[in-house]
Amino acid sequence: MNINQGGEVVELDDASFENVALRSSIPVMVDFFSPSCGPCQMLAPVIEAVAKKYANRVLIAKLDTSRHQVTAGRYSIRGVPTLIFFKNGQVVDQLVGAVPQAEIEQKLNSL
């Protein structure tokens, strides 16, 4: 799946989540966010920078929890931002809150 060739953040919804996040041939990081969340807005440029840096190695995606509650519920998202890391369709790690880019990259490097 060559969905992240340009290092862009992929916008997911309940319908596309499984096909993209759980069936990707490369590791995936999903940013569960809400547009009205201040820390989410602070984290957005960091997510975009990480997407460019890890293009073709990790798929970086985001899902708006205020509009796509089925997937957010499936992963018990209580607070946003929440970053969930998937490998081979399985959750392998997660970070909650507006964490520094270095911490995100540390998790990505361990994938």
Protein backbone atom coordinates (compact mmCIF):
# COMPACT_ATOMS: atom_id res chain seq x y z
CA MET A 1 0.00 0.00 0.00
CA ASN A 2 1.77 3.16 -1.19
CA ILE A 3 -0.54 5.60 0.54
CA ASN A 4 2.16 7.65 2.32
CA GLN A 5 4.62 8.17 -0.55
CA GLY A 6 4.68 11.94 -0.16
CA GLY A 7 4.94 11.94 3.61
CA GLU A 8 1.39 13.25 4.01
CA VAL A 9 -0.80 12.56 7.03
CA VAL A 10 -3.67 10.31 5.87
CA GLU A 11 -7.15 11.25 7.13
CA LEU A 12 -9.10 8.18 8.23
CA ASP A 13 -12.75 7.60 9.08
CA ASP A 14 -14.69 4.66 10.51
CA ALA A 15 -15.09 3.19 7.01
CA SER A 16 -11.44 3.38 5.92
CA PHE A 17 -9.74 2.67 9.25
CA GLU A 18 -9.54 -1.11 9.00
CA ASN A 19 -8.39 -1.19 5.37
CA VAL A 20 -5.70 1.40 5.92
CA ALA A 21 -4.49 1.04 9.51
CA LEU A 22 -4.91 -2.68 10.09
CA ARG A 23 -3.92 -3.96 6.64
CA SER A 24 -0.89 -1.77 5.98
CA SER A 25 2.32 -3.52 4.97
CA ILE A 26 4.30 -0.98 7.02
CA PRO A 27 3.83 0.11 10.66
CA VAL A 28 1.09 2.69 11.28
CA MET A 29 0.71 5.49 13.80
CA VAL A 30 -2.82 6.89 14.20
CA ASP A 31 -3.40 10.26 15.85
CA PHE A 32 -6.85 10.16 17.47
CA PHE A 33 -7.76 13.85 17.79
CA SER A 34 -10.60 16.36 18.00
CA PRO A 35 -10.60 19.70 16.14
CA SER A 36 -11.74 21.51 19.32
CA CYS A 37 -8.83 20.14 21.39
CA GLY A 38 -6.03 22.64 22.12
CA PRO A 39 -3.27 20.06 22.73
CA CYS A 40 -4.34 18.29 19.49
CA GLN A 41 -3.82 21.52 17.56
CA MET A 42 -0.40 21.96 19.18
CA LEU A 43 0.53 18.41 18.21
CA ALA A 44 -0.66 18.68 14.56
CA PRO A 45 2.55 20.29 13.15
CA VAL A 46 4.62 17.66 15.00
CA ILE A 47 2.53 14.88 13.41
CA GLU A 48 3.06 16.44 9.97
CA ALA A 49 6.83 16.71 10.51
CA VAL A 50 6.98 13.07 11.63
CA ALA A 51 4.96 12.00 8.55
CA LYS A 52 7.51 13.66 6.25
CA LYS A 53 10.50 12.26 8.16
CA TYR A 54 9.12 8.69 8.17
CA ALA A 55 7.59 8.70 4.65
CA ASN A 56 7.65 5.20 3.10
CA ARG A 57 8.67 3.64 6.44
CA VAL A 58 5.66 4.38 8.68
CA LEU A 59 2.13 5.34 7.68
CA ILE A 60 1.02 8.36 9.70
CA ALA A 61 -2.74 8.81 9.91
CA LYS A 62 -5.30 10.78 11.92
CA LEU A 63 -8.87 10.14 12.94
CA ASP A 64 -11.30 12.79 14.20
CA THR A 65 -12.89 11.22 17.28
CA SER A 66 -15.74 13.74 17.32
CA ARG A 67 -16.92 12.54 13.89
CA HIS A 68 -15.82 8.89 13.89
CA GLN A 69 -16.83 7.50 17.25
CA VAL A 70 -17.07 3.80 16.31
CA THR A 71 -13.31 3.43 15.85
CA ALA A 72 -12.53 5.69 18.82
CA GLY A 73 -14.81 3.50 20.95
CA ARG A 74 -13.19 0.29 19.70
CA TYR A 75 -9.82 1.52 21.00
CA SER A 76 -11.28 2.99 24.23
CA ILE A 77 -10.10 6.52 23.43
CA ARG A 78 -10.90 8.52 26.57
CA GLY A 79 -8.73 11.58 26.00
CA VAL A 80 -7.22 13.25 22.97
CA PRO A 81 -4.70 13.43 21.55
CA THR A 82 -3.99 9.71 21.73
CA LEU A 83 -1.39 8.15 19.42
CA ILE A 84 -1.72 4.43 18.79
CA PHE A 85 1.02 2.47 17.06
CA PHE A 86 0.10 -0.57 14.96
CA LYS A 87 2.30 -3.25 13.47
CA ASN A 88 0.85 -6.08 11.40
CA GLY A 89 -2.65 -4.93 12.38
CA GLN A 90 -1.96 -5.18 16.12
CA VAL A 91 -1.67 -2.40 18.69
CA VAL A 92 1.94 -2.38 19.90
CA ASP A 93 2.12 0.91 21.80
CA GLN A 94 0.31 4.12 22.64
CA LEU A 95 0.97 7.65 23.87
CA VAL A 96 -1.63 9.97 25.42
CA GLY A 97 -1.35 13.76 25.44
CA ALA A 98 0.70 16.29 23.51
CA VAL A 99 4.05 14.54 23.74
CA PRO A 100 7.37 15.86 22.35
CA GLN A 101 8.43 14.86 18.84
CA ALA A 102 11.47 13.03 20.23
CA GLU A 103 9.20 10.74 22.26
CA ILE A 104 7.06 9.97 19.20
CA GLU A 105 10.16 9.23 17.11
CA GLN A 106 11.51 6.93 19.83
CA LYS A 107 8.32 4.84 19.58
CA LEU A 108 8.45 4.88 15.75
CA ASN A 109 12.09 3.79 15.75
CA SER A 110 11.21 0.82 17.97
CA LEU A 111 8.70 -0.38 15.33
